[in-house]
All heavy atoms as atom14 arrays in JSON, in Angstrom:
{
  "sequence": "NKLDQCHGAARLRLLASLGSDALAVSATGGEGLEGLRQRLLAVAGW",
  "atom14_mask": [
    [1, 1, 1, 1, 1, 1, 1, 1, 0, 0, 0, 0, 0, 0],
    [1, 1, 1, 1, 1, 1, 1, 1, 1, 0, 0, 0, 0, 0],
    [1, 1, 1, 1, 1, 1, 1, 1, 0, 0, 0, 0, 0, 0],
    [1, 1, 1, 1, 1, 1, 1, 1, 0, 0, 0, 0, 0, 0],
    [1, 1, 1, 1, 1, 1, 1, 1, 1, 0, 0, 0, 0, 0],
    [1, 1, 1, 1, 1, 1, 0, 0, 0, 0, 0, 0, 0, 0],
    [1, 1, 1, 1, 1, 1, 1, 1, 1, 1, 0, 0, 0, 0],
    [1, 1, 1, 1, 0, 0, 0, 0, 0, 0, 0, 0, 0, 0],
    [1, 1, 1, 1, 1, 0, 0, 0, 0, 0, 0, 0, 0, 0],
    [1, 1, 1, 1, 1, 0, 0, 0, 0, 0, 0, 0, 0, 0],
    [1, 1, 1, 1, 1, 1, 1, 1, 1, 1, 1, 0, 0, 0],
    [1, 1, 1, 1, 1, 1, 1, 1, 0, 0, 0, 0, 0, 0],
    [1, 1, 1, 1, 1, 1, 1, 1, 1, 1, 1, 0, 0, 0],
    [1, 1, 1, 1, 1, 1, 1, 1, 0, 0, 0, 0, 0, 0],
    [1, 1, 1, 1, 1, 1, 1, 1, 0, 0, 0, 0, 0, 0],
    [1, 1, 1, 1, 1, 0, 0, 0, 0, 0, 0, 0, 0, 0],
    [1, 1, 1, 1, 1, 1, 0, 0, 0, 0, 0, 0, 0, 0],
    [1, 1, 1, 1, 1, 1, 1, 1, 0, 0, 0, 0, 0, 0],
    [1, 1, 1, 1, 0, 0, 0, 0, 0, 0, 0, 0, 0, 0],
    [1, 1, 1, 1, 1, 1, 0, 0, 0, 0, 0, 0, 0, 0],
    [1, 1, 1, 1, 1, 1, 1, 1, 0, 0, 0, 0, 0, 0],
    [1, 1, 1, 1, 1, 0, 0, 0, 0, 0, 0, 0, 0, 0],
    [1, 1, 1, 1, 1, 1, 1, 1, 0, 0, 0, 0, 0, 0],
    [1, 1, 1, 1, 1, 0, 0, 0, 0, 0, 0, 0, 0, 0],
    [1, 1, 1, 1, 1, 1, 1, 0, 0, 0, 0, 0, 0, 0],
    [1, 1, 1, 1, 1, 1, 0, 0, 0, 0, 0, 0, 0, 0],
    [1, 1, 1, 1, 1, 0, 0, 0, 0, 0, 0, 0, 0, 0],
    [1, 1, 1, 1, 1, 1, 1, 0, 0, 0, 0, 0, 0, 0],
    [1, 1, 1, 1, 0, 0, 0, 0, 0, 0, 0, 0, 0, 0],
    [1, 1, 1, 1, 0, 0, 0, 0, 0, 0, 0, 0, 0, 0],
    [1, 1, 1, 1, 1, 1, 1, 1, 1, 0, 0, 0, 0, 0],
    [1, 1, 1, 1, 0, 0, 0, 0, 0, 0, 0, 0, 0, 0],
    [1, 1, 1, 1, 1, 1, 1, 1, 0, 0, 0, 0, 0, 0],
    [1, 1, 1, 1, 1, 1, 1, 1, 1, 0, 0, 0, 0, 0],
    [1, 1, 1, 1, 0, 0, 0, 0, 0, 0, 0, 0, 0, 0],
    [1, 1, 1, 1, 1, 1, 1, 1, 0, 0, 0, 0, 0, 0],
    [1, 1, 1, 1, 1, 1, 1, 1, 1, 1, 1, 0, 0, 0],
    [1, 1, 1, 1, 1, 1, 1, 1, 1, 0, 0, 0, 0, 0],
    [1, 1, 1, 1, 1, 1, 1, 1, 1, 1, 1, 0, 0, 0],
    [1, 1, 1, 1, 1, 1, 1, 1, 0, 0, 0, 0, 0, 0],
    [1, 1, 1, 1, 1, 1, 1, 1, 0, 0, 0, 0, 0, 0],
    [1, 1, 1, 1, 1, 0, 0, 0, 0, 0, 0, 0, 0, 0],
    [1, 1, 1, 1, 1, 1, 1, 0, 0, 0, 0, 0, 0, 0],
    [1, 1, 1, 1, 1, 0, 0, 0, 0, 0, 0, 0, 0, 0],
    [1, 1, 1, 1, 0, 0, 0, 0, 0, 0, 0, 0, 0, 0],
    [1, 1, 1, 1, 1, 1, 1, 1, 1, 1, 1, 1, 1, 1]
  ],
  "atom14_positions": [
    [[59.26, 77.95, 60.32], [57.81, 78.14, 60.44], [57.45, 79.63, 60.56], [58.31, 80.48, 60.7], [57.3, 77.38, 61.67], [55.8, 77.34, 61.75], [55.12, 77.39, 60.72], [55.28, 77.25, 62.96], [0.0, 0.0, 0.0], [0.0, 0.0, 0.0], [0.0, 0.0, 0.0], [0.0, 0.0, 0.0], [0.0, 0.0, 0.0], [0.0, 0.0, 0.0]],
    [[56.14, 79.88, 60.5], [55.56, 81.23, 60.6], [55.83, 82.09, 59.4], [56.09, 83.29, 59.51], [56.0, 81.91, 61.91], [55.68, 81.08, 63.15], [56.02, 81.79, 64.44], [55.74, 80.91, 65.65], [56.07, 81.55, 66.93], [0.0, 0.0, 0.0], [0.0, 0.0, 0.0], [0.0, 0.0, 0.0], [0.0, 0.0, 0.0], [0.0, 0.0, 0.0]],
    [[55.82, 81.45, 58.23], [56.0, 82.18, 56.98], [54.91, 83.22, 56.79], [55.14, 84.27, 56.14], [56.0, 81.19, 55.81], [56.32, 81.7, 54.41], [57.67, 82.39, 54.36], [56.26, 80.56, 53.41], [0.0, 0.0, 0.0], [0.0, 0.0, 0.0], [0.0, 0.0, 0.0], [0.0, 0.0, 0.0], [0.0, 0.0, 0.0], [0.0, 0.0, 0.0]],
    [[53.74, 82.95, 57.37], [52.61, 83.89, 57.24], [52.85, 85.21, 57.96], [52.15, 86.2, 57.72], [51.34, 83.23, 57.78], [51.51, 82.72, 59.18], [52.39, 81.88, 59.42], [50.78, 83.19, 60.1], [0.0, 0.0, 0.0], [0.0, 0.0, 0.0], [0.0, 0.0, 0.0], [0.0, 0.0, 0.0], [0.0, 0.0, 0.0], [0.0, 0.0, 0.0]],
    [[53.83, 85.22, 58.89], [54.11, 86.44, 59.61], [55.19, 87.31, 58.95], [55.57, 88.35, 59.48], [54.54, 86.11, 61.04], [53.46, 85.39, 61.85], [53.89, 85.14, 63.29], [54.81, 85.8, 63.82], [53.21, 84.2, 63.94], [0.0, 0.0, 0.0], [0.0, 0.0, 0.0], [0.0, 0.0, 0.0], [0.0, 0.0, 0.0], [0.0, 0.0, 0.0]],
    [[55.72, 86.86, 57.82], [56.76, 87.6, 57.1], [56.19, 88.12, 55.8], [55.55, 87.39, 55.05], [57.95, 86.69, 56.83], [58.66, 85.97, 58.31], [0.0, 0.0, 0.0], [0.0, 0.0, 0.0], [0.0, 0.0, 0.0], [0.0, 0.0, 0.0], [0.0, 0.0, 0.0], [0.0, 0.0, 0.0], [0.0, 0.0, 0.0], [0.0, 0.0, 0.0]],
    [[56.44, 89.39, 55.51], [55.82, 90.01, 54.34], [56.84, 90.89, 53.6], [57.86, 91.32, 54.15], [54.63, 90.87, 54.78], [53.63, 90.16, 55.64], [52.7, 89.28, 55.13], [53.46, 90.17, 57.0], [51.97, 88.79, 56.13], [52.41, 89.31, 57.27], [0.0, 0.0, 0.0], [0.0, 0.0, 0.0], [0.0, 0.0, 0.0], [0.0, 0.0, 0.0]],
    [[56.52, 91.15, 52.34], [57.26, 92.11, 51.55], [58.73, 91.77, 51.39], [59.16, 90.63, 51.27], [0.0, 0.0, 0.0], [0.0, 0.0, 0.0], [0.0, 0.0, 0.0], [0.0, 0.0, 0.0], [0.0, 0.0, 0.0], [0.0, 0.0, 0.0], [0.0, 0.0, 0.0], [0.0, 0.0, 0.0], [0.0, 0.0, 0.0], [0.0, 0.0, 0.0]],
    [[59.55, 92.86, 51.41], [60.99, 92.71, 51.17], [61.66, 91.89, 52.26], [62.59, 91.12, 52.01], [61.64, 94.08, 51.08], [0.0, 0.0, 0.0], [0.0, 0.0, 0.0], [0.0, 0.0, 0.0], [0.0, 0.0, 0.0], [0.0, 0.0, 0.0], [0.0, 0.0, 0.0], [0.0, 0.0, 0.0], [0.0, 0.0, 0.0], [0.0, 0.0, 0.0]],
    [[61.17, 92.01, 53.51], [61.76, 91.25, 54.62], [61.57, 89.75, 54.38], [62.47, 88.93, 54.65], [61.09, 91.64, 55.94], [0.0, 0.0, 0.0], [0.0, 0.0, 0.0], [0.0, 0.0, 0.0], [0.0, 0.0, 0.0], [0.0, 0.0, 0.0], [0.0, 0.0, 0.0], [0.0, 0.0, 0.0], [0.0, 0.0, 0.0], [0.0, 0.0, 0.0]],
    [[60.4, 89.37, 53.86], [60.13, 87.97, 53.56], [61.12, 87.44, 52.51], [61.67, 86.35, 52.67], [58.69, 87.82, 53.07], [58.3, 86.43, 52.6], [56.91, 86.45, 52.0], [56.53, 85.18, 51.43], [55.55, 84.41, 51.85], [54.81, 84.8, 52.88], [55.25, 83.28, 51.24], [0.0, 0.0, 0.0], [0.0, 0.0, 0.0], [0.0, 0.0, 0.0]],
    [[61.34, 88.24, 51.44], [62.25, 87.81, 50.37], [63.66, 87.66, 50.9], [64.37, 86.7, 50.52], [62.21, 88.81, 49.22], [60.86, 88.93, 48.48], [60.92, 90.01, 47.42], [60.49, 87.58, 47.85], [0.0, 0.0, 0.0], [0.0, 0.0, 0.0], [0.0, 0.0, 0.0], [0.0, 0.0, 0.0], [0.0, 0.0, 0.0], [0.0, 0.0, 0.0]],
    [[64.1, 88.59, 51.77], [65.44, 88.5, 52.31], [65.6, 87.25, 53.19], [66.62, 86.56, 53.1], [65.76, 89.76, 53.14], [66.06, 91.0, 52.31], [66.73, 92.08, 53.16], [65.93, 92.43, 54.35], [64.96, 93.35, 54.35], [64.69, 94.02, 53.25], [64.31, 93.61, 55.47], [0.0, 0.0, 0.0], [0.0, 0.0, 0.0], [0.0, 0.0, 0.0]],
    [[64.6, 86.98, 54.02], [64.65, 85.8, 54.88], [64.72, 84.51, 54.06], [65.53, 83.61, 54.33], [63.45, 85.77, 55.8], [63.47, 86.74, 56.97], [62.12, 86.73, 57.7], [64.59, 86.34, 57.96], [0.0, 0.0, 0.0], [0.0, 0.0, 0.0], [0.0, 0.0, 0.0], [0.0, 0.0, 0.0], [0.0, 0.0, 0.0], [0.0, 0.0, 0.0]],
    [[63.85, 84.4, 53.05], [63.83, 83.2, 52.24], [65.15, 82.99, 51.5], [65.64, 81.86, 51.37], [62.68, 83.25, 51.26], [61.26, 83.2, 51.86], [60.21, 83.32, 50.77], [61.06, 81.92, 52.65], [0.0, 0.0, 0.0], [0.0, 0.0, 0.0], [0.0, 0.0, 0.0], [0.0, 0.0, 0.0], [0.0, 0.0, 0.0], [0.0, 0.0, 0.0]],
    [[65.75, 84.09, 51.05], [67.02, 83.99, 50.33], [68.15, 83.53, 51.24], [69.14, 82.94, 50.79], [67.36, 85.34, 49.68], [0.0, 0.0, 0.0], [0.0, 0.0, 0.0], [0.0, 0.0, 0.0], [0.0, 0.0, 0.0], [0.0, 0.0, 0.0], [0.0, 0.0, 0.0], [0.0, 0.0, 0.0], [0.0, 0.0, 0.0], [0.0, 0.0, 0.0]],
    [[68.02, 83.82, 52.54], [69.09, 83.49, 53.48], [69.0, 82.06, 54.03], [69.94, 81.63, 54.73], [69.07, 84.47, 54.66], [67.88, 84.28, 55.46], [0.0, 0.0, 0.0], [0.0, 0.0, 0.0], [0.0, 0.0, 0.0], [0.0, 0.0, 0.0], [0.0, 0.0, 0.0], [0.0, 0.0, 0.0], [0.0, 0.0, 0.0], [0.0, 0.0, 0.0]],
    [[67.94, 81.36, 53.74], [67.74, 80.04, 54.37], [68.61, 78.94, 53.8], [68.92, 77.97, 54.48], [66.25, 79.64, 54.26], [65.25, 80.52, 54.97], [63.85, 79.96, 54.85], [65.62, 80.72, 56.44], [0.0, 0.0, 0.0], [0.0, 0.0, 0.0], [0.0, 0.0, 0.0], [0.0, 0.0, 0.0], [0.0, 0.0, 0.0], [0.0, 0.0, 0.0]],
    [[68.96, 79.04, 52.55], [69.73, 77.95, 51.94], [68.81, 77.01, 51.18], [67.6, 76.93, 51.43], [0.0, 0.0, 0.0], [0.0, 0.0, 0.0], [0.0, 0.0, 0.0], [0.0, 0.0, 0.0], [0.0, 0.0, 0.0], [0.0, 0.0, 0.0], [0.0, 0.0, 0.0], [0.0, 0.0, 0.0], [0.0, 0.0, 0.0], [0.0, 0.0, 0.0]],
    [[69.4, 76.27, 50.24], [68.6, 75.43, 49.35], [67.96, 74.25, 50.06], [66.94, 73.71, 49.59], [69.48, 74.93, 48.2], [70.59, 74.19, 48.72], [0.0, 0.0, 0.0], [0.0, 0.0, 0.0], [0.0, 0.0, 0.0], [0.0, 0.0, 0.0], [0.0, 0.0, 0.0], [0.0, 0.0, 0.0], [0.0, 0.0, 0.0], [0.0, 0.0, 0.0]],
    [[68.52, 73.78, 51.15], [67.99, 72.58, 51.83], [66.87, 72.9, 52.81], [66.18, 71.99, 53.27], [69.12, 71.86, 52.58], [70.13, 71.22, 51.63], [69.73, 70.96, 50.49], [71.28, 71.03, 52.05], [0.0, 0.0, 0.0], [0.0, 0.0, 0.0], [0.0, 0.0, 0.0], [0.0, 0.0, 0.0], [0.0, 0.0, 0.0], [0.0, 0.0, 0.0]],
    [[66.7, 74.17, 53.16], [65.7, 74.51, 54.16], [64.32, 74.63, 53.52], [64.18, 74.9, 52.33], [66.09, 75.82, 54.83], [0.0, 0.0, 0.0], [0.0, 0.0, 0.0], [0.0, 0.0, 0.0], [0.0, 0.0, 0.0], [0.0, 0.0, 0.0], [0.0, 0.0, 0.0], [0.0, 0.0, 0.0], [0.0, 0.0, 0.0], [0.0, 0.0, 0.0]],
    [[63.31, 74.43, 54.35], [61.91, 74.56, 53.94], [61.25, 75.63, 54.78], [61.42, 75.64, 55.99], [61.17, 73.21, 54.13], [61.55, 72.06, 53.2], [60.99, 70.77, 53.75], [61.03, 72.32, 51.81], [0.0, 0.0, 0.0], [0.0, 0.0, 0.0], [0.0, 0.0, 0.0], [0.0, 0.0, 0.0], [0.0, 0.0, 0.0], [0.0, 0.0, 0.0]],
    [[60.49, 76.5, 54.13], [59.72, 77.51, 54.84], [58.25, 77.15, 54.76], [57.71, 76.85, 53.68], [59.96, 78.89, 54.23], [0.0, 0.0, 0.0], [0.0, 0.0, 0.0], [0.0, 0.0, 0.0], [0.0, 0.0, 0.0], [0.0, 0.0, 0.0], [0.0, 0.0, 0.0], [0.0, 0.0, 0.0], [0.0, 0.0, 0.0], [0.0, 0.0, 0.0]],
    [[57.56, 77.17, 55.92], [56.17, 76.76, 55.95], [55.37, 77.68, 56.87], [55.95, 78.44, 57.65], [56.0, 75.31, 56.49], [56.8, 74.32, 55.65], [56.4, 75.21, 57.96], [0.0, 0.0, 0.0], [0.0, 0.0, 0.0], [0.0, 0.0, 0.0], [0.0, 0.0, 0.0], [0.0, 0.0, 0.0], [0.0, 0.0, 0.0], [0.0, 0.0, 0.0]],
    [[54.06, 77.58, 56.73], [53.16, 78.21, 57.68], [52.25, 77.12, 58.23], [51.38, 76.61, 57.52], [52.32, 79.3, 57.01], [51.28, 79.72, 57.89], [0.0, 0.0, 0.0], [0.0, 0.0, 0.0], [0.0, 0.0, 0.0], [0.0, 0.0, 0.0], [0.0, 0.0, 0.0], [0.0, 0.0, 0.0], [0.0, 0.0, 0.0], [0.0, 0.0, 0.0]],
    [[52.49, 76.71, 59.48], [51.71, 75.64, 60.06], [50.25, 76.03, 60.22], [49.37, 75.18, 60.15], [52.3, 75.25, 61.44], [0.0, 0.0, 0.0], [0.0, 0.0, 0.0], [0.0, 0.0, 0.0], [0.0, 0.0, 0.0], [0.0, 0.0, 0.0], [0.0, 0.0, 0.0], [0.0, 0.0, 0.0], [0.0, 0.0, 0.0], [0.0, 0.0, 0.0]],
    [[49.98, 77.32, 60.42], [48.61, 77.76, 60.59], [47.91, 78.06, 59.27], [46.72, 77.82, 59.12], [48.56, 79.02, 61.47], [49.39, 80.04, 60.88], [49.05, 78.72, 62.87], [0.0, 0.0, 0.0], [0.0, 0.0, 0.0], [0.0, 0.0, 0.0], [0.0, 0.0, 0.0], [0.0, 0.0, 0.0], [0.0, 0.0, 0.0], [0.0, 0.0, 0.0]],
    [[48.67, 78.52, 58.27], [48.08, 78.86, 56.97], [48.17, 77.76, 55.94], [47.47, 77.79, 54.93], [0.0, 0.0, 0.0], [0.0, 0.0, 0.0], [0.0, 0.0, 0.0], [0.0, 0.0, 0.0], [0.0, 0.0, 0.0], [0.0, 0.0, 0.0], [0.0, 0.0, 0.0], [0.0, 0.0, 0.0], [0.0, 0.0, 0.0], [0.0, 0.0, 0.0]],
    [[49.07, 76.81, 56.14], [49.21, 75.69, 55.22], [50.22, 75.87, 54.11], [50.53, 74.93, 53.38], [0.0, 0.0, 0.0], [0.0, 0.0, 0.0], [0.0, 0.0, 0.0], [0.0, 0.0, 0.0], [0.0, 0.0, 0.0], [0.0, 0.0, 0.0], [0.0, 0.0, 0.0], [0.0, 0.0, 0.0], [0.0, 0.0, 0.0], [0.0, 0.0, 0.0]],
    [[50.78, 77.06, 54.0], [51.74, 77.32, 52.93], [53.01, 76.49, 53.15], [53.55, 76.39, 54.25], [52.1, 78.8, 52.91], [52.94, 79.21, 51.71], [53.22, 80.7, 51.66], [52.72, 81.43, 52.57], [53.9, 81.17, 50.73], [0.0, 0.0, 0.0], [0.0, 0.0, 0.0], [0.0, 0.0, 0.0], [0.0, 0.0, 0.0], [0.0, 0.0, 0.0]],
    [[53.48, 75.82, 52.09], [54.7, 75.03, 52.16], [54.55, 73.62, 52.7], [55.51, 72.85, 52.7], [0.0, 0.0, 0.0], [0.0, 0.0, 0.0], [0.0, 0.0, 0.0], [0.0, 0.0, 0.0], [0.0, 0.0, 0.0], [0.0, 0.0, 0.0], [0.0, 0.0, 0.0], [0.0, 0.0, 0.0], [0.0, 0.0, 0.0], [0.0, 0.0, 0.0]],
    [[53.37, 73.25, 53.21], [53.2, 71.95, 53.82], [53.3, 70.8, 52.81], [53.82, 69.73, 53.12], [51.86, 71.88, 54.56], [51.73, 72.74, 55.81], [50.39, 72.51, 56.49], [52.87, 72.44, 56.79], [0.0, 0.0, 0.0], [0.0, 0.0, 0.0], [0.0, 0.0, 0.0], [0.0, 0.0, 0.0], [0.0, 0.0, 0.0], [0.0, 0.0, 0.0]],
    [[52.82, 71.01, 51.59], [52.9, 69.97, 50.58], [54.37, 69.69, 50.22], [54.77, 68.53, 50.07], [52.12, 70.35, 49.33], [52.11, 69.29, 48.25], [51.58, 67.95, 48.74], [50.7, 67.92, 49.63], [52.05, 66.9, 48.2], [0.0, 0.0, 0.0], [0.0, 0.0, 0.0], [0.0, 0.0, 0.0], [0.0, 0.0, 0.0], [0.0, 0.0, 0.0]],
    [[55.17, 70.73, 50.15], [56.6, 70.52, 49.92], [57.25, 69.77, 51.04], [58.12, 68.91, 50.81], [0.0, 0.0, 0.0], [0.0, 0.0, 0.0], [0.0, 0.0, 0.0], [0.0, 0.0, 0.0], [0.0, 0.0, 0.0], [0.0, 0.0, 0.0], [0.0, 0.0, 0.0], [0.0, 0.0, 0.0], [0.0, 0.0, 0.0], [0.0, 0.0, 0.0]],
    [[56.83, 70.01, 52.29], [57.35, 69.28, 53.44], [56.95, 67.81, 53.35], [57.77, 66.93, 53.64], [56.81, 69.92, 54.73], [57.17, 69.2, 56.04], [58.69, 69.07, 56.2], [56.56, 69.92, 57.23], [0.0, 0.0, 0.0], [0.0, 0.0, 0.0], [0.0, 0.0, 0.0], [0.0, 0.0, 0.0], [0.0, 0.0, 0.0], [0.0, 0.0, 0.0]],
    [[55.7, 67.56, 52.97], [55.26, 66.16, 52.84], [56.11, 65.41, 51.82], [56.53, 64.27, 52.05], [53.79, 66.11, 52.47], [52.84, 66.62, 53.54], [51.38, 66.4, 53.14], [50.45, 66.88, 54.15], [49.85, 68.06, 54.11], [50.08, 68.87, 53.06], [49.04, 68.44, 55.07], [0.0, 0.0, 0.0], [0.0, 0.0, 0.0], [0.0, 0.0, 0.0]],
    [[56.37, 66.04, 50.68], [57.15, 65.38, 49.65], [58.6, 65.18, 50.12], [59.22, 64.17, 49.78], [57.11, 66.22, 48.35], [55.75, 66.28, 47.7], [55.16, 64.9, 47.43], [55.84, 64.02, 46.88], [53.9, 64.69, 47.82], [0.0, 0.0, 0.0], [0.0, 0.0, 0.0], [0.0, 0.0, 0.0], [0.0, 0.0, 0.0], [0.0, 0.0, 0.0]],
    [[59.13, 66.13, 50.86], [60.49, 65.96, 51.39], [60.55, 64.79, 52.38], [61.51, 64.03, 52.39], [60.94, 67.26, 52.06], [62.4, 67.22, 52.57], [63.4, 67.27, 51.43], [63.36, 68.54, 50.74], [64.01, 69.63, 51.13], [64.79, 69.61, 52.23], [63.93, 70.74, 50.43], [0.0, 0.0, 0.0], [0.0, 0.0, 0.0], [0.0, 0.0, 0.0]],
    [[59.49, 64.63, 53.18], [59.44, 63.51, 54.1], [59.41, 62.18, 53.35], [60.06, 61.19, 53.75], [58.22, 63.61, 55.02], [58.32, 64.64, 56.13], [56.97, 64.85, 56.82], [59.36, 64.21, 57.18], [0.0, 0.0, 0.0], [0.0, 0.0, 0.0], [0.0, 0.0, 0.0], [0.0, 0.0, 0.0], [0.0, 0.0, 0.0], [0.0, 0.0, 0.0]],
    [[58.65, 62.12, 52.25], [58.63, 60.9, 51.45], [60.02, 60.61, 50.88], [60.46, 59.44, 50.81], [57.63, 61.02, 50.3], [56.14, 60.95, 50.68], [55.28, 61.12, 49.43], [55.8, 59.63, 51.37], [0.0, 0.0, 0.0], [0.0, 0.0, 0.0], [0.0, 0.0, 0.0], [0.0, 0.0, 0.0], [0.0, 0.0, 0.0], [0.0, 0.0, 0.0]],
    [[60.72, 61.65, 50.46], [62.06, 61.46, 49.92], [63.03, 60.94, 50.99], [63.84, 60.05, 50.73], [62.59, 62.78, 49.34], [0.0, 0.0, 0.0], [0.0, 0.0, 0.0], [0.0, 0.0, 0.0], [0.0, 0.0, 0.0], [0.0, 0.0, 0.0], [0.0, 0.0, 0.0], [0.0, 0.0, 0.0], [0.0, 0.0, 0.0], [0.0, 0.0, 0.0]],
    [[62.89, 61.46, 52.2], [63.74, 60.99, 53.31], [63.44, 59.53, 53.61], [64.35, 58.73, 53.88], [63.49, 61.86, 54.56], [64.12, 61.21, 55.79], [64.06, 63.26, 54.37], [0.0, 0.0, 0.0], [0.0, 0.0, 0.0], [0.0, 0.0, 0.0], [0.0, 0.0, 0.0], [0.0, 0.0, 0.0], [0.0, 0.0, 0.0], [0.0, 0.0, 0.0]],
    [[62.17, 59.16, 53.51], [61.78, 57.79, 53.78], [62.28, 56.83, 52.7], [62.38, 55.63, 52.92], [60.26, 57.68, 53.87], [0.0, 0.0, 0.0], [0.0, 0.0, 0.0], [0.0, 0.0, 0.0], [0.0, 0.0, 0.0], [0.0, 0.0, 0.0], [0.0, 0.0, 0.0], [0.0, 0.0, 0.0], [0.0, 0.0, 0.0], [0.0, 0.0, 0.0]],
    [[62.62, 57.38, 51.53], [63.05, 56.53, 50.43], [61.91, 56.02, 49.58], [62.06, 55.06, 48.83], [0.0, 0.0, 0.0], [0.0, 0.0, 0.0], [0.0, 0.0, 0.0], [0.0, 0.0, 0.0], [0.0, 0.0, 0.0], [0.0, 0.0, 0.0], [0.0, 0.0, 0.0], [0.0, 0.0, 0.0], [0.0, 0.0, 0.0], [0.0, 0.0, 0.0]],
    [[60.76, 56.69, 49.66], [59.58, 56.24, 48.9], [59.73, 56.62, 47.43], [59.95, 57.77, 47.09], [58.35, 56.9, 49.48], [57.06, 56.49, 48.82], [56.23, 57.29, 48.09], [56.45, 55.2, 48.83], [55.15, 56.58, 47.65], [55.26, 55.29, 48.09], [56.81, 53.97, 49.39], [54.41, 54.2, 47.9], [55.97, 52.87, 49.2], [54.78, 53.01, 48.46]]
  ]
}
């Protein structure tokens, strides 16, 4: 969480280090939430 607080080159480095299974979101700004919703549906088996 708190993707909105990461900017520029630091943001790119952080995202690259998370791994393919991780999700980055901003709970306050809404960024990445749709991807989280779809991942939850996949976990549910929908």
